[in-house]
Amino acid sequence: NPTGNKTYRIEETPKDELRLEAGEFLVPVAH
């Protein structure tokens, strides 16, 4: 439900993020 400040973003998954090994994870970064 896109309401208020919420939006949905489609982006390409980079090749190095296609498979996450054990001990790897993605961290969201904001300015």
PDB file of all heavy atoms in Angstrom:
ATOM      1  N   ASN A   1       0.834  -1.190   0.000  1.00  0.00           N
ATOM      2  CA  ASN A   1       0.000   0.000   0.000  1.00  0.00           C
ATOM      3  C   ASN A   1       0.876   1.251   0.000  1.00  0.00           C
ATOM      4  O   ASN A   1       1.371   1.656   1.045  1.00  0.00           O
ATOM      5  CB  ASN A   1      -0.920  -0.017   1.222  1.00  0.00           C
ATOM      6  CG  ASN A   1      -1.922   1.101   1.194  1.00  0.00           C
ATOM      7  OD1 ASN A   1      -2.149   1.726   0.177  1.00  0.00           O
ATOM      8  ND2 ASN A   1      -2.530   1.363   2.334  1.00  0.00           N
ATOM      9  N   PRO A   2       1.086   1.871  -1.172  1.00  0.00           N
ATOM     10  CA  PRO A   2       1.916   3.083  -1.218  1.00  0.00           C
ATOM     11  C   PRO A   2       1.149   4.304  -0.706  1.00  0.00           C
ATOM     12  O   PRO A   2       0.373   4.904  -1.426  1.00  0.00           O
ATOM     13  CB  PRO A   2       2.263   3.221  -2.694  1.00  0.00           C
ATOM     14  CG  PRO A   2       1.172   2.509  -3.409  1.00  0.00           C
ATOM     15  CD  PRO A   2       0.661   1.443  -2.487  1.00  0.00           C
ATOM     16  N   THR A   3       1.338   4.639   0.566  1.00  0.00           N
ATOM     17  CA  THR A   3       0.664   5.798   1.153  1.00  0.00           C
ATOM     18  C   THR A   3       1.688   6.705   1.806  1.00  0.00           C
ATOM     19  O   THR A   3       2.755   6.262   2.221  1.00  0.00           O
ATOM     20  CB  THR A   3      -0.359   5.361   2.216  1.00  0.00           C
ATOM     21  OG1 THR A   3       0.317   4.615   3.229  1.00  0.00           O
ATOM     22  CG2 THR A   3      -1.471   4.540   1.618  1.00  0.00           C
ATOM     23  N   GLY A   4       1.359   7.965   1.930  1.00  0.00           N
ATOM     24  CA  GLY A   4       2.233   8.923   2.606  1.00  0.00           C
ATOM     25  C   GLY A   4       3.596   9.024   1.952  1.00  0.00           C
ATOM     26  O   GLY A   4       3.711   9.226   0.756  1.00  0.00           O
ATOM     27  N   ASN A   5       4.641   8.860   2.749  1.00  0.00           N
ATOM     28  CA  ASN A   5       6.015   8.942   2.256  1.00  0.00           C
ATOM     29  C   ASN A   5       6.533   7.604   1.737  1.00  0.00           C
ATOM     30  O   ASN A   5       7.701   7.486   1.403  1.00  0.00           O
ATOM     31  CB  ASN A   5       6.951   9.432   3.361  1.00  0.00           C
ATOM     32  CG  ASN A   5       6.696  10.879   3.711  1.00  0.00           C
ATOM     33  OD1 ASN A   5       6.114  11.609   2.941  1.00  0.00           O
ATOM     34  ND2 ASN A   5       7.133  11.284   4.883  1.00  0.00           N
ATOM     35  N   LYS A   6       5.703   6.590   1.703  1.00  0.00           N
ATOM     36  CA  LYS A   6       6.128   5.253   1.273  1.00  0.00           C
ATOM     37  C   LYS A   6       6.067   5.136  -0.245  1.00  0.00           C
ATOM     38  O   LYS A   6       5.072   5.479  -0.873  1.00  0.00           O
ATOM     39  CB  LYS A   6       5.222   4.193   1.885  1.00  0.00           C
ATOM     40  CG  LYS A   6       5.693   2.777   1.617  1.00  0.00           C
ATOM     41  CD  LYS A   6       4.686   1.736   2.041  1.00  0.00           C
ATOM     42  CE  LYS A   6       4.389   1.781   3.505  1.00  0.00           C
ATOM     43  NZ  LYS A   6       3.486   0.698   3.912  1.00  0.00           N
ATOM     44  N   THR A   7       7.169   4.688  -0.836  1.00  0.00           N
ATOM     45  CA  THR A   7       7.211   4.417  -2.264  1.00  0.00           C
ATOM     46  C   THR A   7       7.837   3.048  -2.470  1.00  0.00           C
ATOM     47  O   THR A   7       8.477   2.493  -1.573  1.00  0.00           O
ATOM     48  CB  THR A   7       8.053   5.469  -3.025  1.00  0.00           C
ATOM     49  OG1 THR A   7       9.373   5.477  -2.493  1.00  0.00           O
ATOM     50  CG2 THR A   7       7.443   6.844  -2.930  1.00  0.00           C
ATOM     51  N   TYR A   8       7.654   2.519  -3.653  1.00  0.00           N
ATOM     52  CA  TYR A   8       8.271   1.242  -4.017  1.00  0.00           C
ATOM     53  C   TYR A   8       9.246   1.496  -5.145  1.00  0.00           C
ATOM     54  O   TYR A   8       8.942   2.211  -6.092  1.00  0.00           O
ATOM     55  CB  TYR A   8       7.196   0.233  -4.414  1.00  0.00           C
ATOM     56  CG  TYR A   8       6.343  -0.151  -3.238  1.00  0.00           C
ATOM     57  CD1 TYR A   8       5.117   0.446  -3.007  1.00  0.00           C
ATOM     58  CD2 TYR A   8       6.805  -1.076  -2.312  1.00  0.00           C
ATOM     59  CE1 TYR A   8       4.352   0.119  -1.906  1.00  0.00           C
ATOM     60  CE2 TYR A   8       6.045  -1.414  -1.204  1.00  0.00           C
ATOM     61  CZ  TYR A   8       4.825  -0.808  -1.009  1.00  0.00           C
ATOM     62  OH  TYR A   8       4.081  -1.135   0.089  1.00  0.00           O
ATOM     63  N   ARG A   9      10.420   0.900  -5.015  1.00  0.00           N
ATOM     64  CA  ARG A   9      11.503   1.142  -5.960  1.00  0.00           C
ATOM     65  C   ARG A   9      11.963  -0.183  -6.549  1.00  0.00           C
ATOM     66  O   ARG A   9      12.210  -1.147  -5.825  1.00  0.00           O
ATOM     67  CB  ARG A   9      12.660   1.821  -5.235  1.00  0.00           C
ATOM     68  CG  ARG A   9      13.816   2.153  -6.133  1.00  0.00           C
ATOM     69  CD  ARG A   9      14.819   2.990  -5.406  1.00  0.00           C
ATOM     70  NE  ARG A   9      15.866   2.146  -4.850  1.00  0.00           N
ATOM     71  CZ  ARG A   9      16.842   2.598  -4.085  1.00  0.00           C
ATOM     72  NH1 ARG A   9      16.899   3.861  -3.751  1.00  0.00           N
ATOM     73  NH2 ARG A   9      17.762   1.790  -3.638  1.00  0.00           N
ATOM     74  N   ILE A  10      12.059  -0.218  -7.861  1.00  0.00           N
ATOM     75  CA  ILE A  10      12.583  -1.388  -8.563  1.00  0.00           C
ATOM     76  C   ILE A  10      13.987  -1.049  -9.006  1.00  0.00           C
ATOM     77  O   ILE A  10      14.230   0.024  -9.568  1.00  0.00           O
ATOM     78  CB  ILE A  10      11.702  -1.752  -9.771  1.00  0.00           C
ATOM     79  CG1 ILE A  10      10.333  -2.203  -9.289  1.00  0.00           C
ATOM     80  CG2 ILE A  10      12.361  -2.832 -10.615  1.00  0.00           C
ATOM     81  CD1 ILE A  10       9.373  -2.553 -10.388  1.00  0.00           C
ATOM     82  N   GLU A  11      14.908  -1.966  -8.733  1.00  0.00           N
ATOM     83  CA  GLU A  11      16.288  -1.753  -9.131  1.00  0.00           C
ATOM     84  C   GLU A  11      16.920  -3.088  -9.495  1.00  0.00           C
ATOM     85  O   GLU A  11      16.419  -4.149  -9.132  1.00  0.00           O
ATOM     86  CB  GLU A  11      17.088  -1.081  -8.020  1.00  0.00           C
ATOM     87  CG  GLU A  11      17.281  -1.919  -6.789  1.00  0.00           C
ATOM     88  CD  GLU A  11      18.077  -1.203  -5.709  1.00  0.00           C
ATOM     89  OE1 GLU A  11      18.173   0.026  -5.737  1.00  0.00           O
ATOM     90  OE2 GLU A  11      18.618  -1.910  -4.840  1.00  0.00           O
ATOM     91  N   GLU A  12      18.016  -2.991 -10.211  1.00  0.00           N
ATOM     92  CA  GLU A  12      18.784  -4.184 -10.573  1.00  0.00           C
ATOM     93  C   GLU A  12      19.516  -4.711  -9.349  1.00  0.00           C
ATOM     94  O   GLU A  12      20.052  -3.943  -8.556  1.00  0.00           O
ATOM     95  CB  GLU A  12      19.789  -3.831 -11.660  1.00  0.00           C
ATOM     96  CG  GLU A  12      20.705  -4.965 -12.027  1.00  0.00           C
ATOM     97  CD  GLU A  12      21.817  -4.538 -12.959  1.00  0.00           C
ATOM     98  OE1 GLU A  12      21.795  -3.407 -13.452  1.00  0.00           O
ATOM     99  OE2 GLU A  12      22.723  -5.358 -13.181  1.00  0.00           O
ATOM    100  N   THR A  13      19.518  -6.029  -9.188  1.00  0.00           N
ATOM    101  CA  THR A  13      20.327  -6.645  -8.146  1.00  0.00           C
ATOM    102  C   THR A  13      21.741  -6.781  -8.696  1.00  0.00           C
ATOM    103  O   THR A  13      21.943  -7.457  -9.710  1.00  0.00           O
ATOM    104  CB  THR A  13      19.782  -8.038  -7.773  1.00  0.00           C
ATOM    105  OG1 THR A  13      18.416  -7.908  -7.399  1.00  0.00           O
ATOM    106  CG2 THR A  13      20.562  -8.649  -6.639  1.00  0.00           C
ATOM    107  N   PRO A  14      22.746  -6.133  -8.085  1.00  0.00           N
ATOM    108  CA  PRO A  14      24.121  -6.251  -8.578  1.00  0.00           C
ATOM    109  C   PRO A  14      24.596  -7.709  -8.555  1.00  0.00           C
ATOM    110  O   PRO A  14      24.155  -8.508  -7.733  1.00  0.00           O
ATOM    111  CB  PRO A  14      24.931  -5.393  -7.608  1.00  0.00           C
ATOM    112  CG  PRO A  14      23.942  -4.450  -7.025  1.00  0.00           C
ATOM    113  CD  PRO A  14      22.647  -5.196  -6.969  1.00  0.00           C
ATOM    114  N   LYS A  15      25.513  -8.031  -9.459  1.00  0.00           N
ATOM    115  CA  LYS A  15      25.994  -9.414  -9.573  1.00  0.00           C
ATOM    116  C   LYS A  15      26.592  -9.931  -8.278  1.00  0.00           C
ATOM    117  O   LYS A  15      26.414 -11.094  -7.938  1.00  0.00           O
ATOM    118  CB  LYS A  15      27.023  -9.513 -10.706  1.00  0.00           C
ATOM    119  CG  LYS A  15      26.416  -9.334 -12.067  1.00  0.00           C
ATOM    120  CD  LYS A  15      27.460  -9.424 -13.161  1.00  0.00           C
ATOM    121  CE  LYS A  15      26.813  -9.186 -14.511  1.00  0.00           C
ATOM    122  NZ  LYS A  15      27.781  -9.215 -15.602  1.00  0.00           N
ATOM    123  N   ASP A  16      27.288  -9.081  -7.522  1.00  0.00           N
ATOM    124  CA  ASP A  16      27.914  -9.552  -6.281  1.00  0.00           C
ATOM    125  C   ASP A  16      26.902  -9.734  -5.152  1.00  0.00           C
ATOM    126  O   ASP A  16      27.236 -10.301  -4.115  1.00  0.00           O
ATOM    127  CB  ASP A  16      29.040  -8.610  -5.844  1.00  0.00           C
ATOM    128  CG  ASP A  16      28.538  -7.228  -5.461  1.00  0.00           C
ATOM    129  OD1 ASP A  16      27.475  -6.813  -5.969  1.00  0.00           O
ATOM    130  OD2 ASP A  16      29.216  -6.562  -4.663  1.00  0.00           O
ATOM    131  N   GLU A  17      25.648  -9.300  -5.343  1.00  0.00           N
ATOM    132  CA  GLU A  17      24.621  -9.482  -4.324  1.00  0.00           C
ATOM    133  C   GLU A  17      23.616 -10.574  -4.683  1.00  0.00           C
ATOM    134  O   GLU A  17      22.663 -10.811  -3.948  1.00  0.00           O
ATOM    135  CB  GLU A  17      23.875  -8.169  -4.089  1.00  0.00           C
ATOM    136  CG  GLU A  17      24.739  -7.091  -3.492  1.00  0.00           C
ATOM    137  CD  GLU A  17      24.017  -5.755  -3.345  1.00  0.00           C
ATOM    138  OE1 GLU A  17      22.786  -5.708  -3.530  1.00  0.00           O
ATOM    139  OE2 GLU A  17      24.695  -4.761  -3.052  1.00  0.00           O
ATOM    140  N   LEU A  18      23.824 -11.250  -5.819  1.00  0.00           N
ATOM    141  CA  LEU A  18      22.907 -12.315  -6.210  1.00  0.00           C
ATOM    142  C   LEU A  18      22.935 -13.475  -5.224  1.00  0.00           C
ATOM    143  O   LEU A  18      21.907 -14.053  -4.897  1.00  0.00           O
ATOM    144  CB  LEU A  18      23.231 -12.818  -7.621  1.00  0.00           C
ATOM    145  CG  LEU A  18      22.859 -11.876  -8.755  1.00  0.00           C
ATOM    146  CD1 LEU A  18      23.349 -12.431 -10.078  1.00  0.00           C
ATOM    147  CD2 LEU A  18      21.364 -11.628  -8.789  1.00  0.00           C
ATOM    148  N   ARG A  19      24.114 -13.822  -4.758  1.00  0.00           N
ATOM    149  CA  ARG A  19      24.271 -14.900  -3.774  1.00  0.00           C
ATOM    150  C   ARG A  19      25.011 -14.365  -2.573  1.00  0.00           C
ATOM    151  O   ARG A  19      26.133 -13.883  -2.692  1.00  0.00           O
ATOM    152  CB  ARG A  19      25.072 -16.053  -4.357  1.00  0.00           C
ATOM    153  CG  ARG A  19      24.305 -16.798  -5.372  1.00  0.00           C
ATOM    154  CD  ARG A  19      24.754 -18.189  -5.432  1.00  0.00           C
ATOM    155  NE  ARG A  19      23.763 -18.853  -6.258  1.00  0.00           N
ATOM    156  CZ  ARG A  19      23.827 -20.067  -6.640  1.00  0.00           C
ATOM    157  NH1 ARG A  19      24.842 -20.791  -6.273  1.00  0.00           N
ATOM    158  NH2 ARG A  19      22.890 -20.583  -7.374  1.00  0.00           N
ATOM    159  N   LEU A  20      24.381 -14.461  -1.430  1.00  0.00           N
ATOM    160  CA  LEU A  20      25.036 -14.059  -0.190  1.00  0.00           C
ATOM    161  C   LEU A  20      25.529 -15.312   0.513  1.00  0.00           C
ATOM    162  O   LEU A  20      24.761 -16.225   0.795  1.00  0.00           O
ATOM    163  CB  LEU A  20      24.066 -13.281   0.703  1.00  0.00           C
ATOM    164  CG  LEU A  20      23.572 -11.951   0.146  1.00  0.00           C
ATOM    165  CD1 LEU A  20      22.578 -11.323   1.101  1.00  0.00           C
ATOM    166  CD2 LEU A  20      24.727 -11.002  -0.098  1.00  0.00           C
ATOM    167  N   GLU A  21      26.814 -15.357   0.770  1.00  0.00           N
ATOM    168  CA  GLU A  21      27.421 -16.489   1.459  1.00  0.00           C
ATOM    169  C   GLU A  21      27.154 -16.364   2.962  1.00  0.00           C
ATOM    170  O   GLU A  21      26.639 -15.362   3.438  1.00  0.00           O
ATOM    171  CB  GLU A  21      28.939 -16.504   1.190  1.00  0.00           C
ATOM    172  CG  GLU A  21      29.322 -16.530  -0.275  1.00  0.00           C
ATOM    173  CD  GLU A  21      28.930 -17.814  -0.975  1.00  0.00           C
ATOM    174  OE1 GLU A  21      28.966 -18.876  -0.329  1.00  0.00           O
ATOM    175  OE2 GLU A  21      28.585 -17.752  -2.167  1.00  0.00           O
ATOM    176  N   ALA A  22      27.547 -17.372   3.703  1.00  0.00           N
ATOM    177  CA  ALA A  22      27.426 -17.326   5.163  1.00  0.00           C
ATOM    178  C   ALA A  22      28.305 -16.186   5.681  1.00  0.00           C
ATOM    179  O   ALA A  22      29.442 -16.020   5.248  1.00  0.00           O
ATOM    180  CB  ALA A  22      27.859 -18.650   5.772  1.00  0.00           C
ATOM    181  N   GLY A  23      27.775 -15.380   6.568  1.00  0.00           N
ATOM    182  CA  GLY A  23      28.520 -14.248   7.104  1.00  0.00           C
ATOM    183  C   GLY A  23      28.427 -12.984   6.274  1.00  0.00           C
ATOM    184  O   GLY A  23      29.057 -11.986   6.602  1.00  0.00           O
ATOM    185  N   GLU A  24      27.650 -13.012   5.185  1.00  0.00           N
ATOM    186  CA  GLU A  24      27.442 -11.821   4.359  1.00  0.00           C
ATOM    187  C   GLU A  24      26.002 -11.342   4.516  1.00  0.00           C
ATOM    188  O   GLU A  24      25.089 -12.160   4.652  1.00  0.00           O
ATOM    189  CB  GLU A  24      27.701 -12.116   2.882  1.00  0.00           C
ATOM    190  CG  GLU A  24      29.123 -12.465   2.557  1.00  0.00           C
ATOM    191  CD  GLU A  24      29.321 -12.735   1.078  1.00  0.00           C
ATOM    192  OE1 GLU A  24      28.351 -13.011   0.357  1.00  0.00           O
ATOM    193  OE2 GLU A  24      30.471 -12.673   0.646  1.00  0.00           O
ATOM    194  N   PHE A  25      25.805 -10.042   4.512  1.00  0.00           N
ATOM    195  CA  PHE A  25      24.461  -9.497   4.604  1.00  0.00           C
ATOM    196  C   PHE A  25      24.427  -8.108   3.993  1.00  0.00           C
ATOM    197  O   PHE A  25      25.465  -7.485   3.776  1.00  0.00           O
ATOM    198  CB  PHE A  25      23.952  -9.487   6.054  1.00  0.00           C
ATOM    199  CG  PHE A  25      24.906  -8.876   7.038  1.00  0.00           C
ATOM    200  CD1 PHE A  25      24.804  -7.545   7.399  1.00  0.00           C
ATOM    201  CD2 PHE A  25      25.923  -9.639   7.604  1.00  0.00           C
ATOM    202  CE1 PHE A  25      25.683  -6.984   8.295  1.00  0.00           C
ATOM    203  CE2 PHE A  25      26.806  -9.085   8.509  1.00  0.00           C
ATOM    204  CZ  PHE A  25      26.684  -7.753   8.856  1.00  0.00           C
ATOM    205  N   LEU A  26      23.210  -7.642   3.709  1.00  0.00           N
ATOM    206  CA  LEU A  26      23.009  -6.331   3.115  1.00  0.00           C
ATOM    207  C   LEU A  26      22.530  -5.356   4.186  1.00  0.00           C
ATOM    208  O   LEU A  26      21.623  -5.663   4.952  1.00  0.00           O
ATOM    209  CB  LEU A  26      21.970  -6.400   1.990  1.00  0.00           C
ATOM    210  CG  LEU A  26      22.344  -7.263   0.796  1.00  0.00           C
ATOM    211  CD1 LEU A  26      21.188  -7.338  -0.184  1.00  0.00           C
ATOM    212  CD2 LEU A  26      23.580  -6.714   0.105  1.00  0.00           C
ATOM    213  N   VAL A  27      23.152  -4.181   4.220  1.00  0.00           N
ATOM    214  CA  VAL A  27      22.798  -3.151   5.194  1.00  0.00           C
ATOM    215  C   VAL A  27      22.218  -1.964   4.433  1.00  0.00           C
ATOM    216  O   VAL A  27      22.850  -1.456   3.505  1.00  0.00           O
ATOM    217  CB  VAL A  27      24.050  -2.706   5.986  1.00  0.00           C
ATOM    218  CG1 VAL A  27      23.717  -1.572   6.928  1.00  0.00           C
ATOM    219  CG2 VAL A  27      24.652  -3.867   6.733  1.00  0.00           C
ATOM    220  N   PRO A  28      21.013  -1.500   4.805  1.00  0.00           N
ATOM    221  CA  PRO A  28      20.482  -0.301   4.159  1.00  0.00           C
ATOM    222  C   PRO A  28      21.215   0.948   4.640  1.00  0.00           C
ATOM    223  O   PRO A  28      21.499   1.099   5.828  1.00  0.00           O
ATOM    224  CB  PRO A  28      19.014  -0.280   4.586  1.00  0.00           C
ATOM    225  CG  PRO A  28      18.921  -1.168   5.763  1.00  0.00           C
ATOM    226  CD  PRO A  28      20.083  -2.109   5.721  1.00  0.00           C
ATOM    227  N   VAL A  29      21.550   1.840   3.705  1.00  0.00           N
ATOM    228  CA  VAL A  29      22.294   3.057   4.007  1.00  0.00           C
ATOM    229  C   VAL A  29      21.455   4.254   3.572  1.00  0.00           C
ATOM    230  O   VAL A  29      20.898   4.268   2.478  1.00  0.00           O
ATOM    231  CB  VAL A  29      23.652   3.075   3.268  1.00  0.00           C
ATOM    232  CG1 VAL A  29      24.411   4.357   3.546  1.00  0.00           C
ATOM    233  CG2 VAL A  29      24.482   1.863   3.644  1.00  0.00           C
ATOM    234  N   ALA A  30      21.361   5.266   4.446  1.00  0.00           N
ATOM    235  CA  ALA A  30      20.624   6.488   4.135  1.00  0.00           C
ATOM    236  C   ALA A  30      21.503   7.692   4.462  1.00  0.00           C
ATOM    237  O   ALA A  30      22.365   7.630   5.340  1.00  0.00           O
ATOM    238  CB  ALA A  30      19.324   6.545   4.938  1.00  0.00           C
ATOM    239  N   HIS A  31      21.275   8.782   3.760  1.00  0.00           N
ATOM    240  CA  HIS A  31      21.976  10.033   4.026  1.00  0.00           C
ATOM    241  C   HIS A  31      21.142  10.847   5.006  1.00  0.00           C
ATOM    242  O   HIS A  31      19.921  10.884   4.900  1.00  0.00           O
ATOM    243  CB  HIS A  31      22.136  10.838   2.737  1.00  0.00           C
ATOM    244  CG  HIS A  31      22.821  10.086   1.650  1.00  0.00           C
ATOM    245  ND1 HIS A  31      22.149   9.261   0.786  1.00  0.00           N
ATOM    246  CD2 HIS A  31      24.110  10.038   1.291  1.00  0.00           C
ATOM    247  CE1 HIS A  31      23.011   8.741  -0.058  1.00  0.00           C
ATOM    248  NE2 HIS A  31      24.210   9.198   0.214  1.00  0.00           N
TER     249      HIS A  31
END
